[in-house]
C-alpha atoms as a PDB file:
ATOM      1  CA  MET A   1      20.211  12.105 -10.082  1.00  0.00           C
ATOM      2  CA  LEU A   2      20.045   9.039  -6.944  1.00  0.00           C
ATOM      3  CA  THR A   3      16.145   9.984  -6.752  1.00  0.00           C
ATOM      4  CA  ALA A   4      15.559   9.559 -10.624  1.00  0.00           C
ATOM      5  CA  LEU A   5      18.028   6.412 -10.350  1.00  0.00           C
ATOM      6  CA  ILE A   6      16.468   4.623  -7.274  1.00  0.00           C
ATOM      7  CA  VAL A   7      13.041   5.689  -8.932  1.00  0.00           C
ATOM      8  CA  LEU A   8      13.877   3.823 -12.349  1.00  0.00           C
ATOM      9  CA  ILE A   9      14.990   0.995 -10.568  1.00  0.00           C
ATOM     10  CA  PHE A  10      11.588   0.811  -8.571  1.00  0.00           C
ATOM     11  CA  LEU A  11       9.488   1.202 -11.368  1.00  0.00           C
ATOM     12  CA  SER A  12      11.745  -1.906 -13.153  1.00  0.00           C
ATOM     13  CA  ILE A  13      11.168  -4.356 -10.301  1.00  0.00           C
ATOM     14  CA  LEU A  14       7.744  -3.786 -10.437  1.00  0.00           C
ATOM     15  CA  VAL A  15       6.940  -3.710 -13.969  1.00  0.00           C
ATOM     16  CA  LEU A  16       9.343  -6.708 -14.407  1.00  0.00           C
ATOM     17  CA  VAL A  17       7.881  -8.563 -11.413  1.00  0.00           C
ATOM     18  CA  HIS A  18       4.587  -8.346 -12.805  1.00  0.00           C
ATOM     19  CA  GLU A  19       5.277  -9.714 -16.527  1.00  0.00           C
ATOM     20  CA  PHE A  20       7.115 -12.640 -14.923  1.00  0.00           C
ATOM     21  CA  GLY A  21       3.968 -13.396 -13.276  1.00  0.00           C
ATOM     22  CA  HIS A  22       2.063 -13.551 -16.701  1.00  0.00           C
ATOM     23  CA  PHE A  23       5.283 -15.393 -18.243  1.00  0.00           C
ATOM     24  CA  ILE A  24       5.979 -18.331 -15.628  1.00  0.00           C
ATOM     25  CA  ALA A  25       1.668 -18.740 -15.743  1.00  0.00           C
ATOM     26  CA  ALA A  26       1.854 -18.985 -19.485  1.00  0.00           C
ATOM     27  CA  LYS A  27       4.980 -21.545 -19.929  1.00  0.00           C
ATOM     28  CA  ARG A  28       3.115 -23.525 -17.096  1.00  0.00           C
ATOM     29  CA  PHE A  29       0.108 -23.813 -19.240  1.00  0.00           C
ATOM     30  CA  GLY A  30       2.251 -24.630 -22.258  1.00  0.00           C
ATOM     31  CA  LEU A  31       1.483 -21.307 -24.625  1.00  0.00           C
ATOM     32  CA  PHE A  32       4.149 -20.174 -26.689  1.00  0.00           C
ATOM     33  CA  VAL A  33       6.005 -17.228 -25.425  1.00  0.00           C
ATOM     34  CA  GLU A  34       7.754 -15.434 -28.369  1.00  0.00           C
ATOM     35  CA  GLU A  35       9.817 -13.090 -25.979  1.00  0.00           C
ATOM     36  CA  PHE A  36      10.672 -11.807 -22.310  1.00  0.00           C
ATOM     37  CA  GLY A  37      12.435  -8.932 -22.526  1.00  0.00           C
ATOM     38  CA  ILE A  38      13.884  -6.691 -19.619  1.00  0.00           C
ATOM     39  CA  GLY A  39      13.105  -2.972 -20.576  1.00  0.00           C
ATOM     40  CA  LEU A  40      11.385  -1.299 -23.820  1.00  0.00           C
ATOM     41  CA  PRO A  41      12.366  -1.788 -26.847  1.00  0.00           C
ATOM     42  CA  PRO A  42      14.545  -1.310 -29.244  1.00  0.00           C
ATOM     43  CA  ARG A  43      16.391  -4.515 -28.523  1.00  0.00           C
ATOM     44  CA  ILE A  44      19.948  -3.977 -27.610  1.00  0.00           C
ATOM     45  CA  TYR A  45      20.648  -7.380 -27.103  1.00  0.00           C
ATOM     46  CA  GLY A  46      18.540 -10.963 -27.441  1.00  0.00           C
ATOM     47  CA  LYS A  47      19.281 -14.484 -26.465  1.00  0.00           C
ATOM     48  CA  LYS A  48      17.387 -17.681 -27.862  1.00  0.00           C
ATOM     49  CA  ILE A  49      16.826 -20.464 -25.358  1.00  0.00           C
ATOM     50  CA  GLY A  50      14.485 -22.882 -26.667  1.00  0.00           C
ATOM     51  CA  GLU A  51      11.631 -21.067 -28.277  1.00  0.00           C
ATOM     52  CA  THR A  52      11.773 -18.413 -25.927  1.00  0.00           C
ATOM     53  CA  ILE A  53      13.991 -14.841 -27.109  1.00  0.00           C
ATOM     54  CA  TYR A  54      15.306 -13.144 -23.590  1.00  0.00           C
ATOM     55  CA  SER A  55      16.563  -9.697 -24.927  1.00  0.00           C
ATOM     56  CA  ILE A  56      17.684  -6.578 -22.908  1.00  0.00           C
ATOM     57  CA  ASN A  57      16.133  -3.214 -24.251  1.00  0.00           C
ATOM     58  CA  ALA A  58      17.244   0.349 -24.835  1.00  0.00           C
ATOM     59  CA  LEU A  59      14.764   2.318 -22.616  1.00  0.00           C
ATOM     60  CA  PRO A  60      15.445   0.649 -18.972  1.00  0.00           C
ATOM     61  CA  ILE A  61      12.030   1.188 -17.588  1.00  0.00           C
ATOM     62  CA  GLY A  62      10.325  -2.251 -16.547  1.00  0.00           C
ATOM     63  CA  GLY A  63       9.936  -5.060 -19.241  1.00  0.00           C
ATOM     64  CA  PHE A  64       7.210  -6.863 -21.443  1.00  0.00           C
ATOM     65  CA  VAL A  65       6.115 -10.813 -22.404  1.00  0.00           C
ATOM     66  CA  LYS A  66       4.786 -11.667 -25.788  1.00  0.00           C
ATOM     67  CA  ILE A  67       2.512 -14.525 -25.925  1.00  0.00           C
ATOM     68  CA  ALA A  68       0.947 -15.990 -28.830  1.00  0.00           C
ATOM     69  CA  GLY A  69      -2.508 -14.900 -29.198  1.00  0.00           C
ATOM     70  CA  GLU A  70      -2.462 -12.418 -26.146  1.00  0.00           C
ATOM     71  CA  ASN A  71      -4.196 -10.091 -28.262  1.00  0.00           C
ATOM     72  CA  GLY A  72      -6.607 -11.919 -30.561  1.00  0.00           C
ATOM     73  CA  GLU A  73      -6.364 -14.200 -33.539  1.00  0.00           C
ATOM     74  CA  GLU A  74      -4.422 -11.600 -35.869  1.00  0.00           C
ATOM     75  CA  ASP A  75      -1.831 -11.682 -33.012  1.00  0.00           C
ATOM     76  CA  ALA A  76      -1.097 -15.340 -33.302  1.00  0.00           C
ATOM     77  CA  ASP A  77       1.412 -17.241 -35.961  1.00  0.00           C
ATOM     78  CA  LYS A  78      -0.426 -19.550 -37.872  1.00  0.00           C
ATOM     79  CA  LYS A  79       2.293 -21.775 -37.537  1.00  0.00           C
ATOM     80  CA  ILE A  80       1.645 -22.551 -33.653  1.00  0.00           C
ATOM     81  CA  PRO A  81      -0.404 -25.115 -32.953  1.00  0.00           C
ATOM     82  CA  SER A  82      -3.782 -24.012 -31.380  1.00  0.00           C
ATOM     83  CA  GLU A  83      -3.193 -25.161 -28.034  1.00  0.00           C
ATOM     84  CA  ARG A  84      -0.563 -23.076 -27.795  1.00  0.00           C
ATOM     85  CA  VAL A  85      -2.131 -20.162 -28.381  1.00  0.00           C
ATOM     86  CA  PHE A  86      -3.619 -17.727 -25.357  1.00  0.00           C
ATOM     87  CA  PHE A  87      -7.039 -17.047 -27.180  1.00  0.00           C
ATOM     88  CA  ASN A  88      -7.588 -20.548 -27.452  1.00  0.00           C
ATOM     89  CA  LEU A  89      -7.164 -21.643 -23.858  1.00  0.00           C
ATOM     90  CA  LYS A  90      -9.986 -22.374 -21.633  1.00  0.00           C
ATOM     91  CA  ILE A  91     -11.353 -19.391 -19.984  1.00  0.00           C
ATOM     92  CA  TRP A  92     -10.036 -20.662 -16.270  1.00  0.00           C
ATOM     93  CA  ARG A  93      -6.446 -20.633 -17.350  1.00  0.00           C
ATOM     94  CA  ARG A  94      -6.327 -17.600 -19.150  1.00  0.00           C
ATOM     95  CA  ILE A  95      -8.101 -15.645 -15.998  1.00  0.00           C
ATOM     96  CA  ILE A  96      -5.038 -17.332 -13.857  1.00  0.00           C
ATOM     97  CA  ILE A  97      -2.428 -15.913 -16.726  1.00  0.00           C
ATOM     98  CA  ILE A  98      -4.201 -12.502 -16.463  1.00  0.00           C
ATOM     99  CA  ILE A  99      -3.863 -12.574 -12.807  1.00  0.00           C
ATOM    100  CA  ALA A 100      -0.491 -13.739 -12.022  1.00  0.00           C
ATOM    101  CA  GLY A 101       1.115 -10.476 -12.758  1.00  0.00           C
ATOM    102  CA  VAL A 102      -0.935  -8.611  -9.768  1.00  0.00           C
ATOM    103  CA  THR A 103      -0.268 -11.882  -7.801  1.00  0.00           C
ATOM    104  CA  MET A 104       3.563 -11.532  -8.189  1.00  0.00           C
ATOM    105  CA  ASN A 105       3.080  -7.759  -7.303  1.00  0.00           C
ATOM    106  CA  PHE A 106       1.166  -8.634  -4.061  1.00  0.00           C
ATOM    107  CA  ILE A 107       3.788 -11.507  -3.201  1.00  0.00           C
ATOM    108  CA  LEU A 108       6.615  -8.938  -3.700  1.00  0.00           C
ATOM    109  CA  GLY A 109       4.941  -6.615  -1.130  1.00  0.00           C
ATOM    110  CA  TRP A 110       4.040  -9.553   1.169  1.00  0.00           C
ATOM    111  CA  VAL A 111       7.926 -10.718   1.326  1.00  0.00           C
ATOM    112  CA  LEU A 112       9.056  -7.097   1.966  1.00  0.00           C
ATOM    113  CA  ILE A 113       7.069  -6.495   4.574  1.00  0.00           C
ATOM    114  CA  SER A 114       7.900  -9.886   5.977  1.00  0.00           C
ATOM    115  CA  VAL A 115      11.537  -8.867   5.821  1.00  0.00           C
ATOM    116  CA  ILE A 116      11.061  -5.550   7.551  1.00  0.00           C
ATOM    117  CA  PHE A 117       9.376  -7.454  10.273  1.00  0.00           C
ATOM    118  CA  ALA A 118      11.992  -9.865  10.797  1.00  0.00           C
ATOM    119  CA  VAL A 119      14.671  -7.218  10.761  1.00  0.00           C
ATOM    120  CA  GLY A 120      12.603  -4.665  12.878  1.00  0.00           C
ATOM    121  CA  VAL A 121      12.565  -0.615  12.306  1.00  0.00           C
ATOM    122  CA  PRO A 122      14.085   1.711  14.519  1.00  0.00           C
ATOM    123  CA  GLN A 123      11.831   3.351  16.849  1.00  0.00           C
ATOM    124  CA  ALA A 124      11.656   7.025  15.506  1.00  0.00           C
ATOM    125  CA  VAL A 125       9.330  10.499  15.567  1.00  0.00           C
ATOM    126  CA  PHE A 126       8.085  12.174  12.238  1.00  0.00           C
ATOM    127  CA  ILE A 127       6.995  15.339  11.768  1.00  0.00           C
ATOM    128  CA  THR A 128       3.835  15.094   9.830  1.00  0.00           C
ATOM    129  CA  GLN A 129       2.041  18.810   9.973  1.00  0.00           C
ATOM    130  CA  VAL A 130       3.546  22.302  10.705  1.00  0.00           C
ATOM    131  CA  GLN A 131       1.158  24.874  11.279  1.00  0.00           C
ATOM    132  CA  SER A 132       1.736  28.264  10.026  1.00  0.00           C
ATOM    133  CA  ASN A 133       2.326  31.369  12.618  1.00  0.00           C
ATOM    134  CA  THR A 134       3.586  28.874  15.153  1.00  0.00           C
ATOM    135  CA  PRO A 135       6.785  28.362  17.527  1.00  0.00           C
ATOM    136  CA  ALA A 136       7.640  25.718  14.880  1.00  0.00           C
ATOM    137  CA  ALA A 137       6.905  27.528  11.798  1.00  0.00           C
ATOM    138  CA  GLN A 138       8.551  30.179  12.415  1.00  0.00           C
ATOM    139  CA  ALA A 139      11.869  28.179  13.545  1.00  0.00           C
ATOM    140  CA  GLY A 140      11.945  26.534  10.361  1.00  0.00           C
ATOM    141  CA  VAL A 141      10.726  23.012  11.307  1.00  0.00           C
ATOM    142  CA  GLN A 142       9.444  21.296   7.832  1.00  0.00           C
ATOM    143  CA  VAL A 143       7.398  18.250   7.451  1.00  0.00           C
ATOM    144  CA  ASN A 144       8.972  14.689   7.057  1.00  0.00           C
ATOM    145  CA  ASP A 145      11.517  16.035   9.678  1.00  0.00           C
ATOM    146  CA  LYS A 146      12.812  13.283  11.583  1.00  0.00           C
ATOM    147  CA  ILE A 147      13.393  14.312  15.415  1.00  0.00           C
ATOM    148  CA  VAL A 148      16.664  13.200  17.139  1.00  0.00           C
ATOM    149  CA  GLY A 149      16.682  12.169  20.809  1.00  0.00           C
ATOM    150  CA  PHE A 150      13.109  10.774  21.276  1.00  0.00           C
ATOM    151  CA  THR A 151      11.817   7.229  20.539  1.00  0.00           C
ATOM    152  CA  SER A 152       8.310   8.031  21.141  1.00  0.00           C
ATOM    153  CA  VAL A 153       5.750  10.889  20.711  1.00  0.00           C
ATOM    154  CA  ASP A 154       4.674  10.265  24.248  1.00  0.00           C
ATOM    155  CA  ASP A 155       8.408  11.179  25.469  1.00  0.00           C
ATOM    156  CA  LEU A 156       8.446  14.088  23.348  1.00  0.00           C
ATOM    157  CA  ILE A 157       5.161  15.610  24.490  1.00  0.00           C
ATOM    158  CA  ASN A 158       5.987  15.117  28.074  1.00  0.00           C
ATOM    159  CA  TYR A 159       9.153  16.980  27.252  1.00  0.00           C
ATOM    160  CA  ILE A 160       7.842  20.039  25.298  1.00  0.00           C
ATOM    161  CA  ASN A 161       4.564  20.043  28.277  1.00  0.00           C
ATOM    162  CA  GLN A 162       7.615  20.294  31.097  1.00  0.00           C
ATOM    163  CA  ASN A 163       9.086  23.446  28.898  1.00  0.00           C
ATOM    164  CA  LYS A 164       6.518  25.179  28.330  1.00  0.00           C
ATOM    165  CA  GLY A 165       7.593  28.957  28.307  1.00  0.00           C
ATOM    166  CA  LYS A 166      11.290  28.330  28.169  1.00  0.00           C
ATOM    167  CA  GLN A 167      13.405  28.192  25.206  1.00  0.00           C
ATOM    168  CA  ILE A 168      14.179  24.345  23.733  1.00  0.00           C
ATOM    169  CA  ASP A 169      16.521  23.017  20.723  1.00  0.00           C
ATOM    170  CA  LEU A 170      14.801  20.579  18.981  1.00  0.00           C
ATOM    171  CA  LYS A 171      17.188  18.585  16.966  1.00  0.00           C
ATOM    172  CA  VAL A 172      16.138  17.047  13.779  1.00  0.00           C
ATOM    173  CA  GLU A 173      17.565  15.431  10.468  1.00  0.00           C
ATOM    174  CA  ARG A 174      16.693  16.412   7.043  1.00  0.00           C
ATOM    175  CA  ASN A 175      18.098  14.646   4.268  1.00  0.00           C
ATOM    176  CA  GLY A 176      20.791  13.338   6.052  1.00  0.00           C
ATOM    177  CA  GLU A 177      21.419  16.705   7.386  1.00  0.00           C
ATOM    178  CA  LYS A 178      21.486  17.145  11.491  1.00  0.00           C
ATOM    179  CA  LEU A 179      19.872  20.443  11.945  1.00  0.00           C
ATOM    180  CA  ASP A 180      19.195  22.506  15.546  1.00  0.00           C
ATOM    181  CA  PHE A 181      15.884  24.586  16.112  1.00  0.00           C
ATOM    182  CA  LYS A 182      15.549  26.737  19.450  1.00  0.00           C
ATOM    183  CA  MET A 183      11.833  27.562  20.091  1.00  0.00           C
ATOM    184  CA  THR A 184       9.567  28.350  22.997  1.00  0.00           C
ATOM    185  CA  PRO A 185       6.613  26.073  23.513  1.00  0.00           C
ATOM    186  CA  ARG A 186       3.493  28.293  24.406  1.00  0.00           C
ATOM    187  CA  THR A 187       1.624  28.242  27.454  1.00  0.00           C
ATOM    188  CA  ASN A 188      -1.631  28.918  26.069  1.00  0.00           C
ATOM    189  CA  PRO A 189      -1.920  27.982  22.297  1.00  0.00           C
ATOM    190  CA  PRO A 190      -5.096  27.705  20.219  1.00  0.00           C
ATOM    191  CA  PRO A 191      -7.179  24.906  20.268  1.00  0.00           C
ATOM    192  CA  GLY A 192      -5.632  21.932  18.390  1.00  0.00           C
ATOM    193  CA  GLU A 193      -2.307  23.471  17.667  1.00  0.00           C
ATOM    194  CA  GLY A 194      -0.840  22.450  20.582  1.00  0.00           C
ATOM    195  CA  SER A 195       2.628  24.312  22.101  1.00  0.00           C
ATOM    196  CA  LEU A 196       4.460  23.787  19.076  1.00  0.00           C
ATOM    197  CA  GLY A 197       1.888  23.970  16.277  1.00  0.00           C
ATOM    198  CA  ILE A 198       3.469  20.620  14.996  1.00  0.00           C
ATOM    199  CA  GLY A 199       1.764  16.993  14.397  1.00  0.00           C
ATOM    200  CA  MET A 200       3.811  14.118  14.810  1.00  0.00           C
ATOM    201  CA  VAL A 201       4.221  10.244  13.931  1.00  0.00           C
ATOM    202  CA  GLN A 202       5.592   7.328  15.366  1.00  0.00           C
ATOM    203  CA  SER A 203       7.412   4.782  13.500  1.00  0.00           C
ATOM    204  CA  GLY A 204       9.306   1.362  13.751  1.00  0.00           C
ATOM    205  CA  GLN A 205       8.788  -2.144  14.344  1.00  0.00           C
ATOM    206  CA  GLN A 206       9.758  -4.903  16.341  1.00  0.00           C
ATOM    207  CA  LYS A 207      12.032  -7.679  15.368  1.00  0.00           C
ATOM    208  CA  GLU A 208       9.895 -10.579  14.714  1.00  0.00           C
ATOM    209  CA  SER A 209      10.853 -14.320  14.655  1.00  0.00           C
ATOM    210  CA  VAL A 210      10.494 -15.653  11.021  1.00  0.00           C
ATOM    211  CA  LEU A 211       7.326 -17.402  10.998  1.00  0.00           C
ATOM    212  CA  LYS A 212       5.538 -14.759  12.847  1.00  0.00           C
ATOM    213  CA  SER A 213       7.019 -12.222  10.382  1.00  0.00           C
ATOM    214  CA  VAL A 214       5.665 -14.311   7.558  1.00  0.00           C
ATOM    215  CA  TRP A 215       2.171 -13.993   8.875  1.00  0.00           C
ATOM    216  CA  ASP A 216       2.351 -10.702  10.151  1.00  0.00           C
ATOM    217  CA  GLY A 217       3.736  -9.361   6.757  1.00  0.00           C
ATOM    218  CA  LEU A 218       0.642 -11.676   4.585  1.00  0.00           C
ATOM    219  CA  LYS A 219      -1.945  -9.811   6.867  1.00  0.00           C
ATOM    220  CA  SER A 220      -0.543  -6.243   6.722  1.00  0.00           C
ATOM    221  CA  ALA A 221      -0.375  -6.812   2.649  1.00  0.00           C
ATOM    222  CA  GLY A 222      -3.722  -8.015   2.905  1.00  0.00           C
ATOM    223  CA  GLN A 223      -5.148  -5.035   4.654  1.00  0.00           C
ATOM    224  CA  MET A 224      -3.164  -2.608   2.788  1.00  0.00           C
ATOM    225  CA  PHE A 225      -4.662  -4.135  -0.660  1.00  0.00           C
ATOM    226  CA  SER A 226      -8.267  -3.817   0.813  1.00  0.00           C
ATOM    227  CA  ILE A 227      -7.682  -0.442   1.911  1.00  0.00           C
ATOM    228  CA  ILE A 228      -6.510   0.932  -1.523  1.00  0.00           C
ATOM    229  CA  PHE A 229      -8.606  -1.346  -3.557  1.00  0.00           C
ATOM    230  CA  VAL A 230     -11.983   0.202  -1.336  1.00  0.00           C
ATOM    231  CA  GLY A 231     -10.561   3.460  -1.795  1.00  0.00           C
ATOM    232  CA  ILE A 232     -10.668   3.244  -5.371  1.00  0.00           C
ATOM    233  CA  PHE A 233     -14.601   2.577  -5.215  1.00  0.00           C
ATOM    234  CA  THR A 234     -14.625   5.885  -2.605  1.00  0.00           C
ATOM    235  CA  LEU A 235     -12.912   7.688  -5.186  1.00  0.00           C
ATOM    236  CA  ILE A 236     -15.525   7.144  -7.602  1.00  0.00           C
ATOM    237  CA  LYS A 237     -18.038   7.769  -5.735  1.00  0.00           C
ATOM    238  CA  LEU A 238     -16.786  11.189  -4.700  1.00  0.00           C
ATOM    239  CA  ALA A 239     -16.024  11.877  -7.974  1.00  0.00           C
ATOM    240  CA  ILE A 240     -19.800  11.080  -9.105  1.00  0.00           C
ATOM    241  CA  LEU A 241     -21.042  12.895  -6.308  1.00  0.00           C
ATOM    242  CA  GLY A 242     -19.262  16.151  -7.337  1.00  0.00           C
ATOM    243  CA  ARG A 243     -16.418  15.860  -4.492  1.00  0.00           C
ATOM    244  CA  SER A 244     -12.690  16.591  -5.619  1.00  0.00           C
ATOM    245  CA  PRO A 245     -11.648  12.819  -5.019  1.00  0.00           C
ATOM    246  CA  LEU A 246      -7.595  14.100  -6.010  1.00  0.00           C
ATOM    247  CA  GLN A 247      -6.425  16.066  -3.167  1.00  0.00           C
ATOM    248  CA  ASN A 248      -4.622  13.022  -1.385  1.00  0.00           C
ATOM    249  CA  ILE A 249      -3.477  11.058  -4.426  1.00  0.00           C
ATOM    250  CA  THR A 250       0.247  10.861  -5.169  1.00  0.00           C
ATOM    251  CA  GLY A 251       1.482  10.636  -8.889  1.00  0.00           C
ATOM    252  CA  PRO A 252       4.484   9.721 -10.533  1.00  0.00           C
ATOM    253  CA  VAL A 253       6.238  13.354  -9.095  1.00  0.00           C
ATOM    254  CA  GLY A 254       4.605  12.659  -5.858  1.00  0.00           C
ATOM    255  CA  ILE A 255       6.548   9.113  -5.618  1.00  0.00           C
ATOM    256  CA  VAL A 256       9.498  10.914  -6.808  1.00  0.00           C
ATOM    257  CA  LYS A 257       9.475  13.320  -3.652  1.00  0.00           C
ATOM    258  CA  LEU A 258       8.499  10.423  -1.295  1.00  0.00           C
ATOM    259  CA  THR A 259      11.742   8.392  -2.815  1.00  0.00           C
ATOM    260  CA  ALA A 260      13.657  11.417  -2.413  1.00  0.00           C
ATOM    261  CA  GLN A 261      12.856  11.463   1.175  1.00  0.00           C
ATOM    262  CA  PHE A 262      12.839   7.938   2.158  1.00  0.00           C
ATOM    263  CA  SER A 263      16.418   7.498   0.853  1.00  0.00           C
ATOM    264  CA  HIS A 264      17.773   9.927   3.339  1.00  0.00           C
ATOM    265  CA  LEU A 265      16.146   7.839   5.920  1.00  0.00           C
ATOM    266  CA  GLY A 266      17.955   4.585   4.880  1.00  0.00           C
ATOM    267  CA  LEU A 267      17.184   1.094   2.804  1.00  0.00           C
ATOM    268  CA  ILE A 268      14.913  -0.142   5.635  1.00  0.00           C
ATOM    269  CA  TYR A 269      12.187   2.407   4.599  1.00  0.00           C
ATOM    270  CA  LEU A 270      13.058   2.514   1.237  1.00  0.00           C
ATOM    271  CA  THR A 271      12.337  -1.302   1.225  1.00  0.00           C
ATOM    272  CA  GLN A 272       9.277  -0.100   3.071  1.00  0.00           C
ATOM    273  CA  LEU A 273       8.028   2.439   0.114  1.00  0.00           C
ATOM    274  CA  LEU A 274       8.678  -0.527  -2.206  1.00  0.00           C
ATOM    275  CA  ALA A 275       6.632  -2.932  -0.780  1.00  0.00           C
ATOM    276  CA  LEU A 276       3.756  -0.463  -0.474  1.00  0.00           C
ATOM    277  CA  ILE A 277       3.954   0.617  -3.861  1.00  0.00           C
ATOM    278  CA  SER A 278       3.954  -3.010  -5.232  1.00  0.00           C
ATOM    279  CA  VAL A 279       0.755  -3.787  -3.039  1.00  0.00           C
ATOM    280  CA  ASN A 280      -0.841  -0.537  -4.360  1.00  0.00           C
ATOM    281  CA  LEU A 281      -0.167  -1.379  -7.937  1.00  0.00           C
ATOM    282  CA  ALA A 282      -1.693  -4.650  -7.281  1.00  0.00           C
ATOM    283  CA  ALA A 283      -4.747  -3.200  -6.043  1.00  0.00           C
ATOM    284  CA  ILE A 284      -5.035  -0.881  -8.689  1.00  0.00           C
ATOM    285  CA  ASN A 285      -4.334  -2.873 -11.943  1.00  0.00           C
ATOM    286  CA  ILE A 286      -7.095  -5.982 -10.498  1.00  0.00           C
ATOM    287  CA  PHE A 287      -9.506  -2.928 -10.654  1.00  0.00           C
ATOM    288  CA  PRO A 288     -12.102  -3.945 -13.071  1.00  0.00           C
ATOM    289  CA  PHE A 289     -11.583  -1.027 -15.802  1.00  0.00           C
ATOM    290  CA  PRO A 290     -10.738  -1.498 -19.192  1.00  0.00           C
ATOM    291  CA  ALA A 291      -6.967  -1.232 -20.224  1.00  0.00           C
ATOM    292  CA  LEU A 292      -6.079  -2.809 -16.652  1.00  0.00           C
ATOM    293  CA  ASP A 293      -5.737  -6.460 -16.232  1.00  0.00           C
ATOM    294  CA  GLY A 294      -9.123  -6.281 -13.610  1.00  0.00           C
ATOM    295  CA  GLY A 295     -10.855  -5.048 -17.171  1.00  0.00           C
ATOM    296  CA  ARG A 296      -9.724  -8.000 -18.975  1.00  0.00           C
ATOM    297  CA  LEU A 297     -10.571 -10.235 -16.315  1.00  0.00           C
ATOM    298  CA  LEU A 298     -14.041  -8.688 -16.121  1.00  0.00           C
ATOM    299  CA  PHE A 299     -14.132  -9.296 -20.259  1.00  0.00           C
ATOM    300  CA  LEU A 300     -13.676 -12.868 -19.745  1.00  0.00           C
ATOM    301  CA  ILE A 301     -15.895 -13.257 -16.869  1.00  0.00           C
ATOM    302  CA  ILE A 302     -18.860 -11.735 -19.125  1.00  0.00           C
ATOM    303  CA  GLU A 303     -17.315 -13.827 -22.089  1.00  0.00           C
ATOM    304  CA  LYS A 304     -17.975 -16.989 -19.518  1.00  0.00           C
ATOM    305  CA  ILE A 305     -21.447 -15.886 -18.334  1.00  0.00           C
ATOM    306  CA  LYS A 306     -22.370 -15.500 -22.224  1.00  0.00           C
ATOM    307  CA  GLY A 307     -20.842 -18.277 -23.878  1.00  0.00           C
ATOM    308  CA  SER A 308     -18.873 -16.445 -26.332  1.00  0.00           C
ATOM    309  CA  PRO A 309     -16.190 -13.606 -26.669  1.00  0.00           C
ATOM    310  CA  LEU A 310     -16.814 -10.163 -26.384  1.00  0.00           C
ATOM    311  CA  PRO A 311     -16.816  -8.341 -29.968  1.00  0.00           C
ATOM    312  CA  LYS A 312     -13.200  -7.519 -30.713  1.00  0.00           C
ATOM    313  CA  LYS A 313     -13.884  -4.213 -31.699  1.00  0.00           C
ATOM    314  CA  PHE A 314     -15.591  -3.272 -28.352  1.00  0.00           C
ATOM    315  CA  GLU A 315     -12.717  -4.646 -26.642  1.00  0.00           C
ATOM    316  CA  SER A 316     -10.614  -2.643 -28.376  1.00  0.00           C
ATOM    317  CA  TYR A 317     -12.645   0.341 -28.177  1.00  0.00           C
ATOM    318  CA  ALA A 318     -12.844   0.008 -24.490  1.00  0.00           C
ATOM    319  CA  ASN A 319      -8.984  -0.569 -23.615  1.00  0.00           C
ATOM    320  CA  ALA A 320      -8.291   2.491 -26.023  1.00  0.00           C
ATOM    321  CA  VAL A 321     -11.011   4.749 -23.909  1.00  0.00           C
ATOM    322  CA  GLY A 322      -9.899   2.971 -20.779  1.00  0.00           C
ATOM    323  CA  MET A 323      -6.399   4.038 -21.297  1.00  0.00           C
ATOM    324  CA  ALA A 324      -7.435   7.278 -22.619  1.00  0.00           C
ATOM    325  CA  LEU A 325      -8.805   8.192 -19.321  1.00  0.00           C
ATOM    326  CA  LEU A 326      -5.792   6.713 -17.222  1.00  0.00           C
ATOM    327  CA  LEU A 327      -3.566   9.148 -19.120  1.00  0.00           C
ATOM    328  CA  LEU A 328      -5.586  11.940 -18.313  1.00  0.00           C
ATOM    329  CA  LEU A 329      -5.978  11.027 -14.667  1.00  0.00           C
ATOM    330  CA  ILE A 330      -2.226  10.640 -14.519  1.00  0.00           C
ATOM    331  CA  ALA A 331      -1.998  14.061 -16.175  1.00  0.00           C
ATOM    332  CA  ILE A 332      -4.130  15.574 -13.787  1.00  0.00           C
ATOM    333  CA  ILE A 333      -2.370  13.989 -10.970  1.00  0.00           C
ATOM    334  CA  THR A 334       0.809  14.859 -11.907  1.00  0.00           C
ATOM    335  CA  TYR A 335      -0.306  18.564 -12.240  1.00  0.00           C
ATOM    336  CA  LYS A 336      -1.290  18.656  -8.514  1.00  0.00           C
ATOM    337  CA  ASP A 337       1.756  16.904  -7.769  1.00  0.00           C
ATOM    338  CA  ILE A 338       3.795  20.216  -9.509  1.00  0.00           C
ATOM    339  CA  THR A 339       1.533  22.666  -7.595  1.00  0.00           C
ATOM    340  CA  ARG A 340       2.431  21.186  -4.273  1.00  0.00           C
ATOM    341  CA  LEU A 341       6.127  21.770  -4.654  1.00  0.00           C
ATOM    342  CA  PHE A 342       5.679  25.423  -5.149  1.00  0.00           C
END
């Protein structure tokens, strides 16, 4: 229940921040913004401030913004002055409004990463892999267990090597519970397995000054963004070549599982996860694919090059097909996430 609540809060923060980006950009250019809503309709409460209704809605998932003429002429009230309607804006202004949501998601990720660098993260060692039929697997060690008593992988490896052939106690933390496993490191393990048969990763971040944390946070968010964006092209390439590109992709179910694991580690690790998802969302949403902000951006660039908008029917069909493909992809990834759980 707690995990579901955290996921709901995460999604709401990410979507609200995204929509707020569109909102402030539209306001900056003087557009008529009919409504800014928290949650999705039906509306529970709304208050009109100026010309905009600020509402709280029944479905507690993210939010939305209604901008006059955002979906074309048929979406615009004829009583609204033409200069305050989205589709009448200059293309460069429309581009800014469209990318404002992605920009806000990137900024959120940047700010959160900077906070992490400024606060620091305790050094810890986590288990990333457990080989079958090994001392660790037989003892009951699992992936994502946090090893207690060691803050570096090197120290743990030295301890294991010094006790080959002898029984050791490996203490771990799992879902907030301390566990103690007894096992004997192998003297001559198979190649690539190690004495216990585990893979490990060292996590942690030394505390930095505020200015350094801001700069390092920007660099880290930028690197993360570029890796994800390039990775999308790689996935498409693998799909074209007939290879399965979805093995290591996580969907909604996988995010719930990750959140459950991170929630037991503490607030700082949840903050790391939120930062990662926010930058991920920015990179994915700016990708030039119909139904995403990147697709709308692509249509505007084409409009600028050809000197006239693309046919409205074409945009509608393209967005509908794009949305259908995205929903299908989400369904496939969700299915794979579920099968990994069992």
